[in-house]
C-alpha atoms as a PDB file:
ATOM      1  CA  MET A   1       0.000   0.000   0.000  1.00  0.00           C
ATOM      2  CA  LEU A   2       1.405   3.373  -1.014  1.00  0.00           C
ATOM      3  CA  LYS A   3       1.585   6.147   1.513  1.00  0.00           C
ATOM      4  CA  GLU A   4       0.052   9.489   0.539  1.00  0.00           C
ATOM      5  CA  PRO A   5       2.675  12.259   0.107  1.00  0.00           C
ATOM      6  CA  SER A   6       2.945  14.872   2.816  1.00  0.00           C
ATOM      7  CA  ARG A   7       1.187  18.219   2.332  1.00  0.00           C
ATOM      8  CA  PHE A   8       4.547  19.898   2.610  1.00  0.00           C
ATOM      9  CA  TYR A   9       6.323  17.641   0.101  1.00  0.00           C
ATOM     10  CA  ARG A  10       7.001  20.485  -2.348  1.00  0.00           C
ATOM     11  CA  TRP A  11       8.394  22.746   0.385  1.00  0.00           C
ATOM     12  CA  GLU A  12      10.578  19.943   1.734  1.00  0.00           C
ATOM     13  CA  LEU A  13      11.925  19.296  -1.742  1.00  0.00           C
ATOM     14  CA  LEU A  14      12.534  22.998  -2.315  1.00  0.00           C
ATOM     15  CA  PHE A  15      14.412  23.233   0.996  1.00  0.00           C
ATOM     16  CA  LEU A  16      16.612  20.242   0.103  1.00  0.00           C
ATOM     17  CA  LEU A  17      17.377  21.709  -3.323  1.00  0.00           C
ATOM     18  CA  PHE A  18      18.236  25.055  -1.712  1.00  0.00           C
ATOM     19  CA  CYS A  19      20.607  23.335   0.731  1.00  0.00           C
ATOM     20  CA  ALA A  20      22.314  21.442  -2.082  1.00  0.00           C
ATOM     21  CA  TYR A  21      22.693  24.632  -4.129  1.00  0.00           C
ATOM     22  CA  PHE A  22      24.043  26.560  -1.126  1.00  0.00           C
ATOM     23  CA  LEU A  23      26.634  23.886  -0.344  1.00  0.00           C
ATOM     24  CA  HIS A  24      27.689  23.736  -3.989  1.00  0.00           C
ATOM     25  CA  GLN A  25      28.225  27.501  -4.147  1.00  0.00           C
ATOM     26  CA  ALA A  26      29.993  27.579  -0.774  1.00  0.00           C
ATOM     27  CA  ASP A  27      32.345  24.832  -1.947  1.00  0.00           C
ATOM     28  CA  ARG A  28      33.238  26.841  -5.035  1.00  0.00           C
ATOM     29  CA  ALA A  29      33.658  30.122  -3.156  1.00  0.00           C
ATOM     30  CA  ILE A  30      35.817  28.796  -0.319  1.00  0.00           C
ATOM     31  CA  PHE A  31      38.547  27.748  -2.747  1.00  0.00           C
ATOM     32  CA  GLY A  32      38.991  31.337  -3.913  1.00  0.00           C
ATOM     33  CA  VAL A  33      39.126  32.577  -0.342  1.00  0.00           C
ATOM     34  CA  LEU A  34      41.792  30.034   0.591  1.00  0.00           C
ATOM     35  CA  LEU A  35      44.095  30.613  -2.395  1.00  0.00           C
ATOM     36  CA  PRO A  36      46.336  33.182  -0.635  1.00  0.00           C
ATOM     37  CA  SER A  37      46.797  30.846   2.344  1.00  0.00           C
ATOM     38  CA  ILE A  38      47.542  27.912   0.062  1.00  0.00           C
ATOM     39  CA  LYS A  39      50.094  29.999  -1.818  1.00  0.00           C
ATOM     40  CA  SER A  40      51.954  31.075   1.316  1.00  0.00           C
ATOM     41  CA  GLU A  41      51.895  27.689   3.058  1.00  0.00           C
ATOM     42  CA  LEU A  42      53.055  25.688   0.048  1.00  0.00           C
ATOM     43  CA  GLY A  43      55.367  28.349  -1.355  1.00  0.00           C
ATOM     44  CA  LEU A  44      53.759  28.277  -4.787  1.00  0.00           C
ATOM     45  CA  SER A  45      54.505  30.729  -7.569  1.00  0.00           C
ATOM     46  CA  ASP A  46      51.686  32.635  -9.252  1.00  0.00           C
ATOM     47  CA  THR A  47      51.780  30.201 -12.183  1.00  0.00           C
ATOM     48  CA  GLN A  48      51.564  27.153  -9.944  1.00  0.00           C
ATOM     49  CA  LEU A  49      48.764  28.753  -7.966  1.00  0.00           C
ATOM     50  CA  GLY A  50      46.903  29.532 -11.193  1.00  0.00           C
ATOM     51  CA  LEU A  51      47.204  25.941 -12.354  1.00  0.00           C
ATOM     52  CA  THR A  52      45.968  24.736  -8.974  1.00  0.00           C
ATOM     53  CA  ALA A  53      42.979  27.073  -9.218  1.00  0.00           C
ATOM     54  CA  VAL A  54      42.163  25.916 -12.765  1.00  0.00           C
ATOM     55  CA  PHE A  55      42.229  22.256 -11.775  1.00  0.00           C
ATOM     56  CA  GLY A  56      40.130  23.068  -8.715  1.00  0.00           C
ATOM     57  CA  TRP A  57      37.628  24.841 -10.921  1.00  0.00           C
ATOM     58  CA  LEU A  58      37.533  22.024 -13.470  1.00  0.00           C
ATOM     59  CA  ARG A  59      36.698  19.419 -10.848  1.00  0.00           C
ATOM     60  CA  ASN A  60      33.380  21.171 -10.251  1.00  0.00           C
END
C-alpha cells in the first residue's frame, strides 16, 4: 500500500534543493578565499597557484 505524500512535500523538496545549491556555491567560493593561504603555506609561484585554481575549478 502506497503512503500518501505529505502536504509539505514540495516545500521539503525545495528546501533540500536550496541546501544542495548553497553547499555547492559555498564549496566553489571557499577555494577562492583560501588561495592566498595555500600559496603562502606551500610556497607556490603565481603560475603554480593559477594551475591549482584551474584544476580546482575544473573538478566542479
